[in-house]
Amino acid sequence: MEALEGSIGTVTLRMSQAEAVVLHEAIARAEFANDLGEIELQPVEQKVFSAVQQTLAPLIAGLGTDGYQGTLDRAYTAIDPKM
């Protein structure tokens, strides 16, 4: 994963497909467990997390289907083969 500073006021975060899947899942789990509310995020922070999740969703194979668990398992293994 790497971050690149772009034109004034922009940053590009480059990550692997596996990292994108894991990031999306972490946000989704935190929302489901209400952890994001418990840590009292400001509305702006909640908006950013939501935007990241919504932006990544179309790129994740099988999201919302029975095949998603396989996608998630492969992502975890790609990042940490010991999983």
PDB file of N, CA and C in Angstrom:
ATOM      1  N   MET A   1       0.855  -1.160   0.000  1.00  0.00           N
ATOM      2  CA  MET A   1       0.000   0.000   0.000  1.00  0.00           C
ATOM      3  C   MET A   1       0.904   1.227   0.000  1.00  0.00           C
ATOM      4  N   GLU A   2       0.474   2.232  -0.710  1.00  0.00           N
ATOM      5  CA  GLU A   2       1.226   3.481  -0.715  1.00  0.00           C
ATOM      6  C   GLU A   2       0.281   4.656  -0.920  1.00  0.00           C
ATOM      7  N   ALA A   3       0.694   5.793  -0.422  1.00  0.00           N
ATOM      8  CA  ALA A   3      -0.062   7.027  -0.604  1.00  0.00           C
ATOM      9  C   ALA A   3       0.788   7.990  -1.417  1.00  0.00           C
ATOM     10  N   LEU A   4       0.157   8.607  -2.392  1.00  0.00           N
ATOM     11  CA  LEU A   4       0.839   9.567  -3.252  1.00  0.00           C
ATOM     12  C   LEU A   4       0.132  10.909  -3.161  1.00  0.00           C
ATOM     13  N   GLU A   5       0.911  11.949  -2.949  1.00  0.00           N
ATOM     14  CA  GLU A   5       0.338  13.283  -2.923  1.00  0.00           C
ATOM     15  C   GLU A   5       0.164  13.750  -4.353  1.00  0.00           C
ATOM     16  N   GLY A   6      -1.039  14.203  -4.663  1.00  0.00           N
ATOM     17  CA  GLY A   6      -1.334  14.652  -6.013  1.00  0.00           C
ATOM     18  C   GLY A   6      -1.321  16.162  -6.090  1.00  0.00           C
ATOM     19  N   SER A   7      -2.187  16.666  -6.945  1.00  0.00           N
ATOM     20  CA  SER A   7      -2.299  18.116  -7.057  1.00  0.00           C
ATOM     21  C   SER A   7      -2.792  18.661  -5.717  1.00  0.00           C
ATOM     22  N   ILE A   8      -2.806  19.935  -5.602  1.00  0.00           N
ATOM     23  CA  ILE A   8      -3.135  20.586  -4.336  1.00  0.00           C
ATOM     24  C   ILE A   8      -4.422  20.009  -3.735  1.00  0.00           C
ATOM     25  N   GLY A   9      -4.287  19.495  -2.519  1.00  0.00           N
ATOM     26  CA  GLY A   9      -5.444  19.003  -1.783  1.00  0.00           C
ATOM     27  C   GLY A   9      -5.875  17.589  -2.101  1.00  0.00           C
ATOM     28  N   THR A  10      -5.096  16.829  -2.867  1.00  0.00           N
ATOM     29  CA  THR A  10      -5.495  15.460  -3.183  1.00  0.00           C
ATOM     30  C   THR A  10      -4.416  14.462  -2.777  1.00  0.00           C
ATOM     31  N   VAL A  11      -4.871  13.284  -2.422  1.00  0.00           N
ATOM     32  CA  VAL A  11      -3.995  12.161  -2.100  1.00  0.00           C
ATOM     33  C   VAL A  11      -4.573  10.936  -2.787  1.00  0.00           C
ATOM     34  N   THR A  12      -3.718  10.138  -3.390  1.00  0.00           N
ATOM     35  CA  THR A  12      -4.141   8.876  -3.986  1.00  0.00           C
ATOM     36  C   THR A  12      -3.600   7.756  -3.121  1.00  0.00           C
ATOM     37  N   LEU A  13      -4.496   6.914  -2.646  1.00  0.00           N
ATOM     38  CA  LEU A  13      -4.110   5.757  -1.851  1.00  0.00           C
ATOM     39  C   LEU A  13      -4.157   4.547  -2.767  1.00  0.00           C
ATOM     40  N   ARG A  14      -3.011   3.943  -2.985  1.00  0.00           N
ATOM     41  CA  ARG A  14      -2.916   2.782  -3.859  1.00  0.00           C
ATOM     42  C   ARG A  14      -2.783   1.549  -2.972  1.00  0.00           C
ATOM     43  N   MET A  15      -3.643   0.549  -3.212  1.00  0.00           N
ATOM     44  CA  MET A  15      -3.607  -0.675  -2.417  1.00  0.00           C
ATOM     45  C   MET A  15      -3.948  -1.863  -3.286  1.00  0.00           C
ATOM     46  N   SER A  16      -3.633  -3.029  -2.783  1.00  0.00           N
ATOM     47  CA  SER A  16      -3.969  -4.246  -3.512  1.00  0.00           C
ATOM     48  C   SER A  16      -5.463  -4.521  -3.393  1.00  0.00           C
ATOM     49  N   GLN A  17      -5.949  -5.383  -4.262  1.00  0.00           N
ATOM     50  CA  GLN A  17      -7.349  -5.803  -4.186  1.00  0.00           C
ATOM     51  C   GLN A  17      -7.622  -6.418  -2.818  1.00  0.00           C
ATOM     52  N   ALA A  18      -6.695  -7.231  -2.326  1.00  0.00           N
ATOM     53  CA  ALA A  18      -6.864  -7.875  -1.019  1.00  0.00           C
ATOM     54  C   ALA A  18      -6.973  -6.834   0.088  1.00  0.00           C
ATOM     55  N   GLU A  19      -6.136  -5.822   0.044  1.00  0.00           N
ATOM     56  CA  GLU A  19      -6.197  -4.765   1.057  1.00  0.00           C
ATOM     57  C   GLU A  19      -7.528  -4.022   0.991  1.00  0.00           C
ATOM     58  N   ALA A  20      -8.032  -3.793  -0.205  1.00  0.00           N
ATOM     59  CA  ALA A  20      -9.323  -3.123  -0.361  1.00  0.00           C
ATOM     60  C   ALA A  20     -10.449  -3.955   0.241  1.00  0.00           C
ATOM     61  N   VAL A  21     -10.414  -5.265   0.015  1.00  0.00           N
ATOM     62  CA  VAL A  21     -11.442  -6.157   0.572  1.00  0.00           C
ATOM     63  C   VAL A  21     -11.394  -6.110   2.093  1.00  0.00           C
ATOM     64  N   VAL A  22     -10.195  -6.205   2.659  1.00  0.00           N
ATOM     65  CA  VAL A  22     -10.052  -6.215   4.118  1.00  0.00           C
ATOM     66  C   VAL A  22     -10.467  -4.872   4.716  1.00  0.00           C
ATOM     67  N   LEU A  23     -10.105  -3.774   4.087  1.00  0.00           N
ATOM     68  CA  LEU A  23     -10.511  -2.458   4.577  1.00  0.00           C
ATOM     69  C   LEU A  23     -12.027  -2.319   4.555  1.00  0.00           C
ATOM     70  N   HIS A  24     -12.648  -2.705   3.457  1.00  0.00           N
ATOM     71  CA  HIS A  24     -14.105  -2.644   3.354  1.00  0.00           C
ATOM     72  C   HIS A  24     -14.749  -3.490   4.450  1.00  0.00           C
ATOM     73  N   GLU A  25     -14.233  -4.690   4.656  1.00  0.00           N
ATOM     74  CA  GLU A  25     -14.788  -5.592   5.669  1.00  0.00           C
ATOM     75  C   GLU A  25     -14.627  -5.024   7.077  1.00  0.00           C
ATOM     76  N   ALA A  26     -13.491  -4.419   7.357  1.00  0.00           N
ATOM     77  CA  ALA A  26     -13.265  -3.836   8.684  1.00  0.00           C
ATOM     78  C   ALA A  26     -14.267  -2.720   8.970  1.00  0.00           C
ATOM     79  N   ILE A  27     -14.527  -1.884   7.991  1.00  0.00           N
ATOM     80  CA  ILE A  27     -15.512  -0.812   8.169  1.00  0.00           C
ATOM     81  C   ILE A  27     -16.901  -1.409   8.349  1.00  0.00           C
ATOM     82  N   ALA A  28     -17.248  -2.399   7.531  1.00  0.00           N
ATOM     83  CA  ALA A  28     -18.569  -3.028   7.623  1.00  0.00           C
ATOM     84  C   ALA A  28     -18.773  -3.692   8.983  1.00  0.00           C
ATOM     85  N   ARG A  29     -17.763  -4.410   9.463  1.00  0.00           N
ATOM     86  CA  ARG A  29     -17.876  -5.070  10.774  1.00  0.00           C
ATOM     87  C   ARG A  29     -18.021  -4.056  11.896  1.00  0.00           C
ATOM     88  N   ALA A  30     -17.267  -2.965  11.811  1.00  0.00           N
ATOM     89  CA  ALA A  30     -17.355  -1.935  12.836  1.00  0.00           C
ATOM     90  C   ALA A  30     -18.742  -1.301  12.842  1.00  0.00           C
ATOM     91  N   GLU A  31     -19.296  -1.063  11.671  1.00  0.00           N
ATOM     92  CA  GLU A  31     -20.655  -0.505  11.594  1.00  0.00           C
ATOM     93  C   GLU A  31     -21.666  -1.490  12.158  1.00  0.00           C
ATOM     94  N   PHE A  32     -21.531  -2.765  11.786  1.00  0.00           N
ATOM     95  CA  PHE A  32     -22.472  -3.786  12.237  1.00  0.00           C
ATOM     96  C   PHE A  32     -22.415  -3.944  13.750  1.00  0.00           C
ATOM     97  N   ALA A  33     -21.229  -3.895  14.311  1.00  0.00           N
ATOM     98  CA  ALA A  33     -21.056  -4.060  15.755  1.00  0.00           C
ATOM     99  C   ALA A  33     -21.310  -2.755  16.505  1.00  0.00           C
ATOM    100  N   ASN A  34     -21.613  -1.714  15.764  1.00  0.00           N
ATOM    101  CA  ASN A  34     -21.853  -0.380  16.311  1.00  0.00           C
ATOM    102  C   ASN A  34     -20.598   0.216  16.937  1.00  0.00           C
ATOM    103  N   ASP A  35     -19.432  -0.324  16.585  1.00  0.00           N
ATOM    104  CA  ASP A  35     -18.181   0.207  17.119  1.00  0.00           C
ATOM    105  C   ASP A  35     -17.939   1.636  16.657  1.00  0.00           C
ATOM    106  N   LEU A  36     -18.349   1.947  15.443  1.00  0.00           N
ATOM    107  CA  LEU A  36     -18.112   3.304  14.950  1.00  0.00           C
ATOM    108  C   LEU A  36     -18.879   4.322  15.780  1.00  0.00           C
ATOM    109  N   GLY A  37     -20.073   3.955  16.219  1.00  0.00           N
ATOM    110  CA  GLY A  37     -20.842   4.845  17.080  1.00  0.00           C
ATOM    111  C   GLY A  37     -20.263   4.921  18.477  1.00  0.00           C
ATOM    112  N   GLU A  38     -19.768   3.784  18.970  1.00  0.00           N
ATOM    113  CA  GLU A  38     -19.233   3.731  20.327  1.00  0.00           C
ATOM    114  C   GLU A  38     -17.974   4.560  20.488  1.00  0.00           C
ATOM    115  N   ILE A  39     -17.187   4.668  19.454  1.00  0.00           N
ATOM    116  CA  ILE A  39     -15.986   5.490  19.578  1.00  0.00           C
ATOM    117  C   ILE A  39     -16.287   6.957  19.272  1.00  0.00           C
ATOM    118  N   GLU A  40     -17.551   7.256  19.144  1.00  0.00           N
ATOM    119  CA  GLU A  40     -18.041   8.626  19.009  1.00  0.00           C
ATOM    120  C   GLU A  40     -17.347   9.400  17.892  1.00  0.00           C
ATOM    121  N   LEU A  41     -17.373   8.824  16.722  1.00  0.00           N
ATOM    122  CA  LEU A  41     -16.832   9.528  15.562  1.00  0.00           C
ATOM    123  C   LEU A  41     -17.643  10.780  15.279  1.00  0.00           C
ATOM    124  N   GLN A  42     -16.962  11.762  14.809  1.00  0.00           N
ATOM    125  CA  GLN A  42     -17.634  12.966  14.374  1.00  0.00           C
ATOM    126  C   GLN A  42     -18.361  12.658  13.067  1.00  0.00           C
ATOM    127  N   PRO A  43     -19.429  13.393  12.759  1.00  0.00           N
ATOM    128  CA  PRO A  43     -20.152  13.147  11.514  1.00  0.00           C
ATOM    129  C   PRO A  43     -19.255  13.179  10.276  1.00  0.00           C
ATOM    130  N   VAL A  44     -18.246  14.029  10.270  1.00  0.00           N
ATOM    131  CA  VAL A  44     -17.345  14.101   9.118  1.00  0.00           C
ATOM    132  C   VAL A  44     -16.575  12.791   8.982  1.00  0.00           C
ATOM    133  N   GLU A  45     -16.111  12.231  10.101  1.00  0.00           N
ATOM    134  CA  GLU A  45     -15.380  10.964  10.061  1.00  0.00           C
ATOM    135  C   GLU A  45     -16.289   9.836   9.588  1.00  0.00           C
ATOM    136  N   GLN A  46     -17.522   9.826  10.070  1.00  0.00           N
ATOM    137  CA  GLN A  46     -18.483   8.817   9.627  1.00  0.00           C
ATOM    138  C   GLN A  46     -18.715   8.934   8.125  1.00  0.00           C
ATOM    139  N   LYS A  47     -18.783  10.165   7.631  1.00  0.00           N
ATOM    140  CA  LYS A  47     -18.989  10.396   6.198  1.00  0.00           C
ATOM    141  C   LYS A  47     -17.817   9.845   5.390  1.00  0.00           C
ATOM    142  N   VAL A  48     -16.586  10.040   5.878  1.00  0.00           N
ATOM    143  CA  VAL A  48     -15.404   9.539   5.168  1.00  0.00           C
ATOM    144  C   VAL A  48     -15.398   8.016   5.156  1.00  0.00           C
ATOM    145  N   PHE A  49     -15.655   7.381   6.310  1.00  0.00           N
ATOM    146  CA  PHE A  49     -15.702   5.918   6.352  1.00  0.00           C
ATOM    147  C   PHE A  49     -16.763   5.379   5.400  1.00  0.00           C
ATOM    148  N   SER A  50     -17.921   6.010   5.397  1.00  0.00           N
ATOM    149  CA  SER A  50     -19.001   5.576   4.514  1.00  0.00           C
ATOM    150  C   SER A  50     -18.602   5.732   3.046  1.00  0.00           C
ATOM    151  N   ALA A  51     -17.958   6.838   2.717  1.00  0.00           N
ATOM    152  CA  ALA A  51     -17.534   7.067   1.333  1.00  0.00           C
ATOM    153  C   ALA A  51     -16.500   6.034   0.895  1.00  0.00           C
ATOM    154  N   VAL A  52     -15.559   5.698   1.774  1.00  0.00           N
ATOM    155  CA  VAL A  52     -14.562   4.673   1.445  1.00  0.00           C
ATOM    156  C   VAL A  52     -15.258   3.349   1.187  1.00  0.00           C
ATOM    157  N   GLN A  53     -16.161   2.984   2.074  1.00  0.00           N
ATOM    158  CA  GLN A  53     -16.871   1.710   1.930  1.00  0.00           C
ATOM    159  C   GLN A  53     -17.682   1.670   0.632  1.00  0.00           C
ATOM    160  N   GLN A  54     -18.398   2.729   0.331  1.00  0.00           N
ATOM    161  CA  GLN A  54     -19.219   2.766  -0.880  1.00  0.00           C
ATOM    162  C   GLN A  54     -18.368   2.783  -2.146  1.00  0.00           C
ATOM    163  N   THR A  55     -17.214   3.416  -2.078  1.00  0.00           N
ATOM    164  CA  THR A  55     -16.320   3.470  -3.234  1.00  0.00           C
ATOM    165  C   THR A  55     -15.707   2.108  -3.522  1.00  0.00           C
ATOM    166  N   LEU A  56     -15.371   1.371  -2.466  1.00  0.00           N
ATOM    167  CA  LEU A  56     -14.756   0.054  -2.637  1.00  0.00           C
ATOM    168  C   LEU A  56     -15.760  -1.028  -3.024  1.00  0.00           C
ATOM    169  N   ALA A  57     -17.001  -0.896  -2.595  1.00  0.00           N
ATOM    170  CA  ALA A  57     -18.002  -1.957  -2.776  1.00  0.00           C
ATOM    171  C   ALA A  57     -18.099  -2.491  -4.207  1.00  0.00           C
ATOM    172  N   PRO A  58     -18.160  -1.649  -5.236  1.00  0.00           N
ATOM    173  CA  PRO A  58     -18.295  -2.193  -6.593  1.00  0.00           C
ATOM    174  C   PRO A  58     -17.070  -2.979  -7.074  1.00  0.00           C
ATOM    175  N   LEU A  59     -15.949  -2.838  -6.378  1.00  0.00           N
ATOM    176  CA  LEU A  59     -14.717  -3.503  -6.793  1.00  0.00           C
ATOM    177  C   LEU A  59     -14.526  -4.869  -6.139  1.00  0.00           C
ATOM    178  N   ILE A  60     -15.431  -5.231  -5.234  1.00  0.00           N
ATOM    179  CA  ILE A  60     -15.249  -6.452  -4.446  1.00  0.00           C
ATOM    180  C   ILE A  60     -16.112  -7.573  -5.013  1.00  0.00           C
ATOM    181  N   ALA A  61     -15.425  -8.599  -5.499  1.00  0.00           N
ATOM    182  CA  ALA A  61     -16.118  -9.747  -6.104  1.00  0.00           C
ATOM    183  C   ALA A  61     -16.982 -10.460  -5.075  1.00  0.00           C
ATOM    184  N   GLY A  62     -18.216 -10.725  -5.456  1.00  0.00           N
ATOM    185  CA  GLY A  62     -19.106 -11.529  -4.634  1.00  0.00           C
ATOM    186  C   GLY A  62     -19.725 -10.817  -3.454  1.00  0.00           C
ATOM    187  N   LEU A  63     -19.478  -9.534  -3.298  1.00  0.00           N
ATOM    188  CA  LEU A  63     -20.036  -8.807  -2.158  1.00  0.00           C
ATOM    189  C   LEU A  63     -21.555  -8.953  -2.145  1.00  0.00           C
ATOM    190  N   GLY A  64     -22.089  -9.357  -1.012  1.00  0.00           N
ATOM    191  CA  GLY A  64     -23.530  -9.533  -0.879  1.00  0.00           C
ATOM    192  C   GLY A  64     -24.043 -10.859  -1.401  1.00  0.00           C
ATOM    193  N   THR A  65     -23.138 -11.766  -1.758  1.00  0.00           N
ATOM    194  CA  THR A  65     -23.545 -13.085  -2.260  1.00  0.00           C
ATOM    195  C   THR A  65     -22.905 -14.176  -1.409  1.00  0.00           C
ATOM    196  N   ASP A  66     -23.304 -15.409  -1.682  1.00  0.00           N
ATOM    197  CA  ASP A  66     -22.710 -16.549  -0.983  1.00  0.00           C
ATOM    198  C   ASP A  66     -21.221 -16.681  -1.283  1.00  0.00           C
ATOM    199  N   GLY A  67     -20.767 -16.151  -2.406  1.00  0.00           N
ATOM    200  CA  GLY A  67     -19.367 -16.247  -2.790  1.00  0.00           C
ATOM    201  C   GLY A  67     -18.449 -15.260  -2.083  1.00  0.00           C
ATOM    202  N   TYR A  68     -19.031 -14.337  -1.325  1.00  0.00           N
ATOM    203  CA  TYR A  68     -18.215 -13.310  -0.676  1.00  0.00           C
ATOM    204  C   TYR A  68     -17.237 -13.889   0.341  1.00  0.00           C
ATOM    205  N   GLN A  69     -17.646 -14.910   1.072  1.00  0.00           N
ATOM    206  CA  GLN A  69     -16.743 -15.480   2.076  1.00  0.00           C
ATOM    207  C   GLN A  69     -15.458 -15.981   1.431  1.00  0.00           C
ATOM    208  N   GLY A  70     -15.563 -16.568   0.247  1.00  0.00           N
ATOM    209  CA  GLY A  70     -14.376 -17.010  -0.476  1.00  0.00           C
ATOM    210  C   GLY A  70     -13.477 -15.845  -0.851  1.00  0.00           C
ATOM    211  N   THR A  71     -14.082 -14.748  -1.294  1.00  0.00           N
ATOM    212  CA  THR A  71     -13.315 -13.540  -1.620  1.00  0.00           C
ATOM    213  C   THR A  71     -12.588 -13.028  -0.384  1.00  0.00           C
ATOM    214  N   LEU A  72     -13.292 -12.999   0.720  1.00  0.00           N
ATOM    215  CA  LEU A  72     -12.714 -12.528   1.974  1.00  0.00           C
ATOM    216  C   LEU A  72     -11.576 -13.441   2.438  1.00  0.00           C
ATOM    217  N   ASP A  73     -11.797 -14.745   2.369  1.00  0.00           N
ATOM    218  CA  ASP A  73     -10.757 -15.707   2.765  1.00  0.00           C
ATOM    219  C   ASP A  73      -9.501 -15.540   1.918  1.00  0.00           C
ATOM    220  N   ARG A  74      -9.680 -15.386   0.610  1.00  0.00           N
ATOM    221  CA  ARG A  74      -8.528 -15.205  -0.284  1.00  0.00           C
ATOM    222  C   ARG A  74      -7.790 -13.900   0.018  1.00  0.00           C
ATOM    223  N   ALA A  75      -8.525 -12.860   0.359  1.00  0.00           N
ATOM    224  CA  ALA A  75      -7.899 -11.576   0.685  1.00  0.00           C
ATOM    225  C   ALA A  75      -7.056 -11.691   1.951  1.00  0.00           C
ATOM    226  N   TYR A  76      -7.604 -12.318   2.971  1.00  0.00           N
ATOM    227  CA  TYR A  76      -6.852 -12.486   4.217  1.00  0.00           C
ATOM    228  C   TYR A  76      -5.595 -13.317   3.972  1.00  0.00           C
ATOM    229  N   THR A  77      -5.715 -14.380   3.191  1.00  0.00           N
ATOM    230  CA  THR A  77      -4.570 -15.244   2.893  1.00  0.00           C
ATOM    231  C   THR A  77      -3.519 -14.502   2.074  1.00  0.00           C
ATOM    232  N   ALA A  78      -3.958 -13.659   1.142  1.00  0.00           N
ATOM    233  CA  ALA A  78      -3.013 -12.895   0.324  1.00  0.00           C
ATOM    234  C   ALA A  78      -2.189 -11.934   1.179  1.00  0.00           C
ATOM    235  N   ILE A  79      -2.805 -11.382   2.196  1.00  0.00           N
ATOM    236  CA  ILE A  79      -2.110 -10.431   3.061  1.00  0.00           C
ATOM    237  C   ILE A  79      -1.261 -11.153   4.103  1.00  0.00           C
ATOM    238  N   ASP A  80      -1.818 -12.236   4.654  1.00  0.00           N
ATOM    239  CA  ASP A  80      -1.089 -13.010   5.665  1.00  0.00           C
ATOM    240  C   ASP A  80      -1.316 -14.494   5.411  1.00  0.00           C
ATOM    241  N   PRO A  81      -0.405 -15.130   4.690  1.00  0.00           N
ATOM    242  CA  PRO A  81      -0.577 -16.545   4.340  1.00  0.00           C
ATOM    243  C   PRO A  81      -0.720 -17.476   5.548  1.00  0.00           C
ATOM    244  N   LYS A  82      -0.358 -17.020   6.731  1.00  0.00           N
ATOM    245  CA  LYS A  82      -0.479 -17.848   7.938  1.00  0.00           C
ATOM    246  C   LYS A  82      -1.908 -17.897   8.469  1.00  0.00           C
ATOM    247  N   MET A  83      -2.793 -17.107   7.892  1.00  0.00           N
ATOM    248  CA  MET A  83      -4.189 -17.051   8.367  1.00  0.00           C
ATOM    249  C   MET A  83      -4.910 -18.339   8.058  1.00  0.00           C
TER     250      MET A  83
END
